[in-house]
Amino acid sequence: MMHTRIERCFLSKFSLLLLGLLAACSFQKEKTEEVSESIQLSREEEMAQLLASGIQQTPAWASHWKSIDNLFDPSAFQLSKQLEYEDLEWPEENFIQAGNPFFPYLIPHPDGLGVVDIYSYKVVIPEEGSVAFNPDSEVIFFRSNGMRQRLLFIGPSGGFQEAVWVSPDYLMVSGFFEYENGVSPMVWLVNVADRSYIEYSSPLRISQYPKSKYLKEKLKNIPFPQDEAGTDRQ
């Protein structure tokens, strides 16, 4: 009988201890999940703030899309995807110096680490003949250490129209992308520190969008050709 009572007492204490450990583990797991969710939420909030800041700093771009369709809402962008981009970097000094038609549109890094160019690849200015548009577009970071780094590239289905530094690590690039059901305003938040970007798309779809209109209005010092009706050739 004595042994039975001891065994029952031991089992009872062991069960209580086991339940206590399980409860502690469960509590710790819940706290870990809460912290993880909090960190994720904080990052999403941070990105949303950077996105809003960038759009506020490019009012001409927002006004352009508002003029295209009054339903354009700069606060309606939705996260589309997050990707790491291929690290394409090679030695090349910045050729866009004072006197170059693209010089006024360079975007200096806030800490002086270089300048960003989003137009010289897209707009082709030959020594002879008319100004033309490259079907592709790219965003280039000319670093102050003499390196040229490609931050973004897109084919004929899209284009880059504006860019602004929203922090020393993040460059916001705005433009468009053509889906099967129409052209949509797009925004990319490029993290130049870890070589990744977050893509945001607007729910707006435009069936007929003049793709070169914004650049022709933005780059006023470049003699773009026009057809007889004064409209875009692209």
C-alpha atoms as a PDB file:
ATOM      1  CA  MET A   1       0.000   0.000   0.000  1.00  0.00           C
ATOM      2  CA  MET A   2       2.809   2.376   0.953  1.00  0.00           C
ATOM      3  CA  HIS A   3       4.539   1.803  -2.401  1.00  0.00           C
ATOM      4  CA  THR A   4       1.275   2.370  -4.268  1.00  0.00           C
ATOM      5  CA  ARG A   5       0.699   5.692  -2.479  1.00  0.00           C
ATOM      6  CA  ILE A   6       4.261   6.804  -3.233  1.00  0.00           C
ATOM      7  CA  GLU A   7       3.878   5.822  -6.888  1.00  0.00           C
ATOM      8  CA  ARG A   8       0.554   7.706  -7.147  1.00  0.00           C
ATOM      9  CA  CYS A   9       2.069  10.745  -5.469  1.00  0.00           C
ATOM     10  CA  PHE A  10       5.062  10.618  -7.795  1.00  0.00           C
ATOM     11  CA  LEU A  11       2.871  10.204 -10.864  1.00  0.00           C
ATOM     12  CA  SER A  12       0.651  13.060  -9.767  1.00  0.00           C
ATOM     13  CA  LYS A  13       3.625  15.393  -9.264  1.00  0.00           C
ATOM     14  CA  PHE A  14       5.157  14.258 -12.549  1.00  0.00           C
ATOM     15  CA  SER A  15       1.885  14.912 -14.375  1.00  0.00           C
ATOM     16  CA  LEU A  16       1.650  18.387 -12.878  1.00  0.00           C
ATOM     17  CA  LEU A  17       5.251  19.084 -13.857  1.00  0.00           C
ATOM     18  CA  LEU A  18       4.640  17.811 -17.401  1.00  0.00           C
ATOM     19  CA  LEU A  19       1.501  19.926 -17.723  1.00  0.00           C
ATOM     20  CA  GLY A  20       3.462  22.908 -16.457  1.00  0.00           C
ATOM     21  CA  LEU A  21       6.211  22.359 -19.033  1.00  0.00           C
ATOM     22  CA  LEU A  22       3.670  21.944 -21.842  1.00  0.00           C
ATOM     23  CA  ALA A  23       1.891  25.116 -20.775  1.00  0.00           C
ATOM     24  CA  ALA A  24       5.198  27.000 -20.651  1.00  0.00           C
ATOM     25  CA  CYS A  25       6.194  25.728 -24.113  1.00  0.00           C
ATOM     26  CA  SER A  26       2.800  26.650 -25.505  1.00  0.00           C
ATOM     27  CA  PHE A  27       3.039  30.138 -23.985  1.00  0.00           C
ATOM     28  CA  GLN A  28       6.558  30.594 -25.349  1.00  0.00           C
ATOM     29  CA  LYS A  29       5.421  29.478 -28.813  1.00  0.00           C
ATOM     30  CA  GLU A  30       2.524  31.926 -28.731  1.00  0.00           C
ATOM     31  CA  LYS A  31       4.840  34.738 -27.653  1.00  0.00           C
ATOM     32  CA  THR A  32       7.320  33.850 -30.414  1.00  0.00           C
ATOM     33  CA  GLU A  33       4.526  33.856 -33.008  1.00  0.00           C
ATOM     34  CA  GLU A  34       3.259  37.181 -31.689  1.00  0.00           C
ATOM     35  CA  VAL A  35       6.742  38.714 -31.918  1.00  0.00           C
ATOM     36  CA  SER A  36       7.169  37.325 -35.446  1.00  0.00           C
ATOM     37  CA  GLU A  37       3.802  38.710 -36.519  1.00  0.00           C
ATOM     38  CA  SER A  38       4.655  42.037 -34.910  1.00  0.00           C
ATOM     39  CA  ILE A  39       7.983  42.216 -36.778  1.00  0.00           C
ATOM     40  CA  GLN A  40       6.255  41.334 -40.042  1.00  0.00           C
ATOM     41  CA  LEU A  41       3.557  43.934 -39.436  1.00  0.00           C
ATOM     42  CA  SER A  42       6.156  46.550 -38.544  1.00  0.00           C
ATOM     43  CA  ARG A  43       8.040  45.851 -41.808  1.00  0.00           C
ATOM     44  CA  GLU A  44       4.825  46.079 -43.836  1.00  0.00           C
ATOM     45  CA  GLU A  45       3.981  49.362 -42.129  1.00  0.00           C
ATOM     46  CA  GLU A  46       7.492  50.671 -42.799  1.00  0.00           C
ATOM     47  CA  MET A  47       7.235  49.785 -46.490  1.00  0.00           C
ATOM     48  CA  ALA A  48       3.779  51.362 -46.702  1.00  0.00           C
ATOM     49  CA  GLN A  49       5.175  54.576 -45.206  1.00  0.00           C
ATOM     50  CA  LEU A  50       8.074  54.610 -47.668  1.00  0.00           C
ATOM     51  CA  LEU A  51       5.654  53.995 -50.538  1.00  0.00           C
ATOM     52  CA  ALA A  52       3.382  56.845 -49.438  1.00  0.00           C
ATOM     53  CA  SER A  53       6.386  59.146 -48.978  1.00  0.00           C
ATOM     54  CA  GLY A  54       7.673  58.394 -52.466  1.00  0.00           C
ATOM     55  CA  ILE A  55       4.317  59.036 -54.126  1.00  0.00           C
ATOM     56  CA  GLN A  56       3.984  62.318 -52.229  1.00  0.00           C
ATOM     57  CA  GLN A  57       7.400  63.358 -53.562  1.00  0.00           C
ATOM     58  CA  THR A  58       6.349  62.698 -57.178  1.00  0.00           C
ATOM     59  CA  PRO A  59       3.116  64.742 -57.498  1.00  0.00           C
ATOM     60  CA  ALA A  60       3.530  65.201 -61.264  1.00  0.00           C
ATOM     61  CA  TRP A  61       3.433  61.429 -61.732  1.00  0.00           C
ATOM     62  CA  ALA A  62       0.291  61.048 -59.623  1.00  0.00           C
ATOM     63  CA  SER A  63      -1.343  63.960 -61.470  1.00  0.00           C
ATOM     64  CA  HIS A  64      -0.453  62.352 -64.798  1.00  0.00           C
ATOM     65  CA  TRP A  65      -2.280  59.145 -63.933  1.00  0.00           C
ATOM     66  CA  LYS A  66      -5.181  61.098 -62.459  1.00  0.00           C
ATOM     67  CA  SER A  67      -5.498  62.896 -65.794  1.00  0.00           C
ATOM     68  CA  ILE A  68      -5.451  59.563 -67.611  1.00  0.00           C
ATOM     69  CA  ASP A  69      -8.246  58.182 -65.419  1.00  0.00           C
ATOM     70  CA  ASN A  70      -9.950  60.074 -62.611  1.00  0.00           C
ATOM     71  CA  LEU A  71     -10.365  56.762 -60.746  1.00  0.00           C
ATOM     72  CA  PHE A  72      -6.616  56.554 -60.106  1.00  0.00           C
ATOM     73  CA  ASP A  73      -6.040  56.304 -56.346  1.00  0.00           C
ATOM     74  CA  PRO A  74      -2.408  56.677 -55.170  1.00  0.00           C
ATOM     75  CA  SER A  75      -3.300  54.962 -51.881  1.00  0.00           C
ATOM     76  CA  ALA A  76      -4.717  51.840 -53.573  1.00  0.00           C
ATOM     77  CA  PHE A  77      -1.433  50.149 -54.538  1.00  0.00           C
ATOM     78  CA  GLN A  78      -1.248  46.505 -53.513  1.00  0.00           C
ATOM     79  CA  LEU A  79       1.822  44.355 -52.938  1.00  0.00           C
ATOM     80  CA  SER A  80       2.366  42.213 -56.021  1.00  0.00           C
ATOM     81  CA  LYS A  81       5.634  40.390 -55.364  1.00  0.00           C
ATOM     82  CA  GLN A  82       8.994  40.522 -53.610  1.00  0.00           C
ATOM     83  CA  LEU A  83      12.127  39.434 -55.435  1.00  0.00           C
ATOM     84  CA  GLU A  84      15.898  39.537 -55.272  1.00  0.00           C
ATOM     85  CA  TYR A  85      17.434  40.980 -58.407  1.00  0.00           C
ATOM     86  CA  GLU A  86      20.497  39.732 -60.239  1.00  0.00           C
ATOM     87  CA  ASP A  87      23.598  41.588 -59.138  1.00  0.00           C
ATOM     88  CA  LEU A  88      24.834  43.126 -62.393  1.00  0.00           C
ATOM     89  CA  GLU A  89      27.647  45.501 -61.556  1.00  0.00           C
ATOM     90  CA  TRP A  90      30.742  46.470 -63.510  1.00  0.00           C
ATOM     91  CA  PRO A  91      33.332  49.286 -63.612  1.00  0.00           C
ATOM     92  CA  GLU A  92      32.014  52.276 -65.547  1.00  0.00           C
ATOM     93  CA  GLU A  93      32.210  55.958 -64.764  1.00  0.00           C
ATOM     94  CA  ASN A  94      29.074  58.042 -65.015  1.00  0.00           C
ATOM     95  CA  PHE A  95      29.016  59.466 -68.540  1.00  0.00           C
ATOM     96  CA  ILE A  96      26.100  61.810 -67.767  1.00  0.00           C
ATOM     97  CA  GLN A  97      27.885  65.029 -66.905  1.00  0.00           C
ATOM     98  CA  ALA A  98      26.960  68.723 -67.107  1.00  0.00           C
ATOM     99  CA  GLY A  99      25.856  69.523 -70.654  1.00  0.00           C
ATOM    100  CA  ASN A 100      24.390  66.056 -71.215  1.00  0.00           C
ATOM    101  CA  PRO A 101      20.599  66.323 -71.796  1.00  0.00           C
ATOM    102  CA  PHE A 102      19.973  63.720 -69.068  1.00  0.00           C
ATOM    103  CA  PHE A 103      22.110  65.486 -66.463  1.00  0.00           C
ATOM    104  CA  PRO A 104      19.225  67.519 -64.949  1.00  0.00           C
ATOM    105  CA  TYR A 105      17.311  64.306 -64.305  1.00  0.00           C
ATOM    106  CA  LEU A 106      19.947  62.412 -62.317  1.00  0.00           C
ATOM    107  CA  ILE A 107      18.801  61.448 -58.813  1.00  0.00           C
ATOM    108  CA  PRO A 108      21.586  61.914 -56.230  1.00  0.00           C
ATOM    109  CA  HIS A 109      21.869  59.450 -53.365  1.00  0.00           C
ATOM    110  CA  PRO A 110      21.046  61.202 -50.050  1.00  0.00           C
ATOM    111  CA  ASP A 111      24.397  60.191 -48.542  1.00  0.00           C
ATOM    112  CA  GLY A 112      26.430  61.004 -51.650  1.00  0.00           C
ATOM    113  CA  LEU A 113      27.016  57.388 -52.708  1.00  0.00           C
ATOM    114  CA  GLY A 114      26.269  58.101 -56.360  1.00  0.00           C
ATOM    115  CA  VAL A 115      23.433  58.999 -58.729  1.00  0.00           C
ATOM    116  CA  VAL A 116      20.543  57.109 -60.329  1.00  0.00           C
ATOM    117  CA  ASP A 117      19.612  57.396 -64.017  1.00  0.00           C
ATOM    118  CA  ILE A 118      16.305  56.061 -65.354  1.00  0.00           C
ATOM    119  CA  TYR A 119      16.045  57.756 -68.763  1.00  0.00           C
ATOM    120  CA  SER A 120      19.243  57.470 -70.821  1.00  0.00           C
ATOM    121  CA  TYR A 121      18.701  53.788 -71.670  1.00  0.00           C
ATOM    122  CA  LYS A 122      15.080  54.321 -72.698  1.00  0.00           C
ATOM    123  CA  VAL A 123      15.532  57.506 -74.721  1.00  0.00           C
ATOM    124  CA  VAL A 124      18.042  57.200 -77.571  1.00  0.00           C
ATOM    125  CA  ILE A 125      19.602  60.447 -78.808  1.00  0.00           C
ATOM    126  CA  PRO A 126      21.666  59.699 -81.933  1.00  0.00           C
ATOM    127  CA  GLU A 127      24.341  62.023 -83.288  1.00  0.00           C
ATOM    128  CA  GLU A 128      22.256  62.264 -86.449  1.00  0.00           C
ATOM    129  CA  GLY A 129      18.556  61.633 -86.933  1.00  0.00           C
ATOM    130  CA  SER A 130      15.551  61.781 -84.663  1.00  0.00           C
ATOM    131  CA  VAL A 131      15.264  60.908 -80.993  1.00  0.00           C
ATOM    132  CA  ALA A 132      13.877  57.391 -80.540  1.00  0.00           C
ATOM    133  CA  PHE A 133      12.646  55.096 -77.782  1.00  0.00           C
ATOM    134  CA  ASN A 134      14.334  51.855 -76.792  1.00  0.00           C
ATOM    135  CA  PRO A 135      11.622  49.199 -76.298  1.00  0.00           C
ATOM    136  CA  ASP A 136      13.243  48.200 -72.978  1.00  0.00           C
ATOM    137  CA  SER A 137      13.899  50.269 -69.851  1.00  0.00           C
ATOM    138  CA  GLU A 138      16.411  50.088 -67.023  1.00  0.00           C
ATOM    139  CA  VAL A 139      17.341  51.850 -63.796  1.00  0.00           C
ATOM    140  CA  ILE A 140      21.070  52.392 -63.302  1.00  0.00           C
ATOM    141  CA  PHE A 141      22.942  53.354 -60.134  1.00  0.00           C
ATOM    142  CA  PHE A 142      26.252  55.053 -60.918  1.00  0.00           C
ATOM    143  CA  ARG A 143      28.093  54.577 -57.645  1.00  0.00           C
ATOM    144  CA  SER A 144      30.645  57.087 -56.445  1.00  0.00           C
ATOM    145  CA  ASN A 145      33.268  54.289 -56.372  1.00  0.00           C
ATOM    146  CA  GLY A 146      33.217  54.068 -60.177  1.00  0.00           C
ATOM    147  CA  MET A 147      30.879  51.078 -60.449  1.00  0.00           C
ATOM    148  CA  ARG A 148      27.709  50.897 -62.541  1.00  0.00           C
ATOM    149  CA  GLN A 149      24.912  48.774 -61.064  1.00  0.00           C
ATOM    150  CA  ARG A 150      21.633  47.804 -62.718  1.00  0.00           C
ATOM    151  CA  LEU A 151      18.786  48.044 -60.199  1.00  0.00           C
ATOM    152  CA  LEU A 152      15.794  47.275 -62.424  1.00  0.00           C
ATOM    153  CA  PHE A 153      15.130  46.168 -65.984  1.00  0.00           C
ATOM    154  CA  ILE A 154      11.862  45.723 -67.845  1.00  0.00           C
ATOM    155  CA  GLY A 155      10.949  44.777 -71.396  1.00  0.00           C
ATOM    156  CA  PRO A 156       8.475  46.387 -73.845  1.00  0.00           C
ATOM    157  CA  SER A 157       5.505  45.532 -71.628  1.00  0.00           C
ATOM    158  CA  GLY A 158       6.478  48.150 -69.051  1.00  0.00           C
ATOM    159  CA  GLY A 159       8.380  51.342 -68.406  1.00  0.00           C
ATOM    160  CA  PHE A 160       9.914  53.549 -65.714  1.00  0.00           C
ATOM    161  CA  GLN A 161       8.735  57.141 -65.390  1.00  0.00           C
ATOM    162  CA  GLU A 162       9.950  58.562 -62.066  1.00  0.00           C
ATOM    163  CA  ALA A 163      12.307  57.714 -59.217  1.00  0.00           C
ATOM    164  CA  VAL A 164      13.085  59.187 -55.811  1.00  0.00           C
ATOM    165  CA  TRP A 165      15.156  58.144 -52.808  1.00  0.00           C
ATOM    166  CA  VAL A 166      12.815  57.547 -49.870  1.00  0.00           C
ATOM    167  CA  SER A 167      15.689  56.548 -47.541  1.00  0.00           C
ATOM    168  CA  PRO A 168      19.429  55.885 -47.918  1.00  0.00           C
ATOM    169  CA  ASP A 169      18.621  52.205 -48.583  1.00  0.00           C
ATOM    170  CA  TYR A 170      15.418  52.457 -50.607  1.00  0.00           C
ATOM    171  CA  LEU A 171      14.785  53.916 -54.051  1.00  0.00           C
ATOM    172  CA  MET A 172      11.162  54.201 -55.171  1.00  0.00           C
ATOM    173  CA  VAL A 173      10.638  53.824 -58.919  1.00  0.00           C
ATOM    174  CA  SER A 174       7.254  54.472 -60.499  1.00  0.00           C
ATOM    175  CA  GLY A 175       6.013  53.535 -63.944  1.00  0.00           C
ATOM    176  CA  PHE A 176       3.614  51.154 -65.613  1.00  0.00           C
ATOM    177  CA  PHE A 177       3.087  47.579 -66.757  1.00  0.00           C
ATOM    178  CA  GLU A 178       0.841  46.249 -69.499  1.00  0.00           C
ATOM    179  CA  TYR A 179      -1.304  43.285 -68.449  1.00  0.00           C
ATOM    180  CA  GLU A 180      -3.606  41.334 -70.741  1.00  0.00           C
ATOM    181  CA  ASN A 181      -6.551  43.474 -69.617  1.00  0.00           C
ATOM    182  CA  GLY A 182      -4.811  46.848 -69.796  1.00  0.00           C
ATOM    183  CA  VAL A 183      -1.977  49.075 -68.579  1.00  0.00           C
ATOM    184  CA  SER A 184      -1.607  49.629 -64.849  1.00  0.00           C
ATOM    185  CA  PRO A 185       0.435  52.123 -62.799  1.00  0.00           C
ATOM    186  CA  MET A 186       3.251  50.365 -60.926  1.00  0.00           C
ATOM    187  CA  VAL A 187       5.664  51.170 -58.116  1.00  0.00           C
ATOM    188  CA  TRP A 188       8.884  49.393 -57.154  1.00  0.00           C
ATOM    189  CA  LEU A 189      10.655  49.819 -53.808  1.00  0.00           C
ATOM    190  CA  VAL A 190      14.277  48.868 -54.463  1.00  0.00           C
ATOM    191  CA  ASN A 191      16.481  47.957 -51.512  1.00  0.00           C
ATOM    192  CA  VAL A 192      19.972  48.707 -52.825  1.00  0.00           C
ATOM    193  CA  ALA A 193      21.576  47.356 -49.649  1.00  0.00           C
ATOM    194  CA  ASP A 194      20.349  43.755 -49.941  1.00  0.00           C
ATOM    195  CA  ARG A 195      19.645  43.810 -53.715  1.00  0.00           C
ATOM    196  CA  SER A 196      15.929  43.124 -53.606  1.00  0.00           C
ATOM    197  CA  TYR A 197      12.751  44.924 -54.532  1.00  0.00           C
ATOM    198  CA  ILE A 198       9.057  44.966 -53.666  1.00  0.00           C
ATOM    199  CA  GLU A 199       6.603  45.478 -56.506  1.00  0.00           C
ATOM    200  CA  TYR A 200       3.246  47.202 -56.042  1.00  0.00           C
ATOM    201  CA  SER A 201       0.457  47.330 -58.611  1.00  0.00           C
ATOM    202  CA  SER A 202      -2.624  49.491 -58.925  1.00  0.00           C
ATOM    203  CA  PRO A 203      -6.047  47.915 -59.520  1.00  0.00           C
ATOM    204  CA  LEU A 204      -6.556  50.478 -62.292  1.00  0.00           C
ATOM    205  CA  ARG A 205      -6.434  49.151 -65.879  1.00  0.00           C
ATOM    206  CA  ILE A 206      -6.236  51.431 -68.924  1.00  0.00           C
ATOM    207  CA  SER A 207      -7.178  49.905 -72.278  1.00  0.00           C
ATOM    208  CA  GLN A 208      -5.372  52.546 -74.368  1.00  0.00           C
ATOM    209  CA  TYR A 209      -2.431  54.268 -72.724  1.00  0.00           C
ATOM    210  CA  PRO A 210       0.071  56.605 -74.467  1.00  0.00           C
ATOM    211  CA  LYS A 211       3.252  55.006 -73.126  1.00  0.00           C
ATOM    212  CA  SER A 212       5.664  57.772 -74.107  1.00  0.00           C
ATOM    213  CA  LYS A 213       3.428  60.688 -73.115  1.00  0.00           C
ATOM    214  CA  TYR A 214       4.856  61.145 -69.617  1.00  0.00           C
ATOM    215  CA  LEU A 215       8.490  61.090 -70.734  1.00  0.00           C
ATOM    216  CA  LYS A 216       7.843  63.587 -73.516  1.00  0.00           C
ATOM    217  CA  GLU A 217       6.262  65.961 -71.021  1.00  0.00           C
ATOM    218  CA  LYS A 218       8.930  65.344 -68.366  1.00  0.00           C
ATOM    219  CA  LEU A 219      12.053  65.633 -70.552  1.00  0.00           C
ATOM    220  CA  LYS A 220      11.314  69.086 -71.905  1.00  0.00           C
ATOM    221  CA  ASN A 221      14.853  69.726 -73.153  1.00  0.00           C
ATOM    222  CA  ILE A 222      14.842  66.744 -75.541  1.00  0.00           C
ATOM    223  CA  PRO A 223      13.434  67.297 -79.075  1.00  0.00           C
ATOM    224  CA  PHE A 224      11.061  64.363 -79.422  1.00  0.00           C
ATOM    225  CA  PRO A 225       9.523  63.837 -82.868  1.00  0.00           C
ATOM    226  CA  GLN A 226       5.763  64.097 -83.316  1.00  0.00           C
ATOM    227  CA  ASP A 227       3.491  62.969 -86.073  1.00  0.00           C
ATOM    228  CA  GLU A 228       1.374  65.343 -88.137  1.00  0.00           C
ATOM    229  CA  ALA A 229      -1.391  65.321 -85.533  1.00  0.00           C
ATOM    230  CA  GLY A 230       1.079  66.163 -82.773  1.00  0.00           C
ATOM    231  CA  THR A 231       0.616  62.831 -80.993  1.00  0.00           C
ATOM    232  CA  ASP A 232       3.066  60.201 -79.848  1.00  0.00           C
ATOM    233  CA  ARG A 233       4.671  57.951 -82.391  1.00  0.00           C
ATOM    234  CA  GLN A 234       5.220  55.205 -79.846  1.00  0.00           C
END
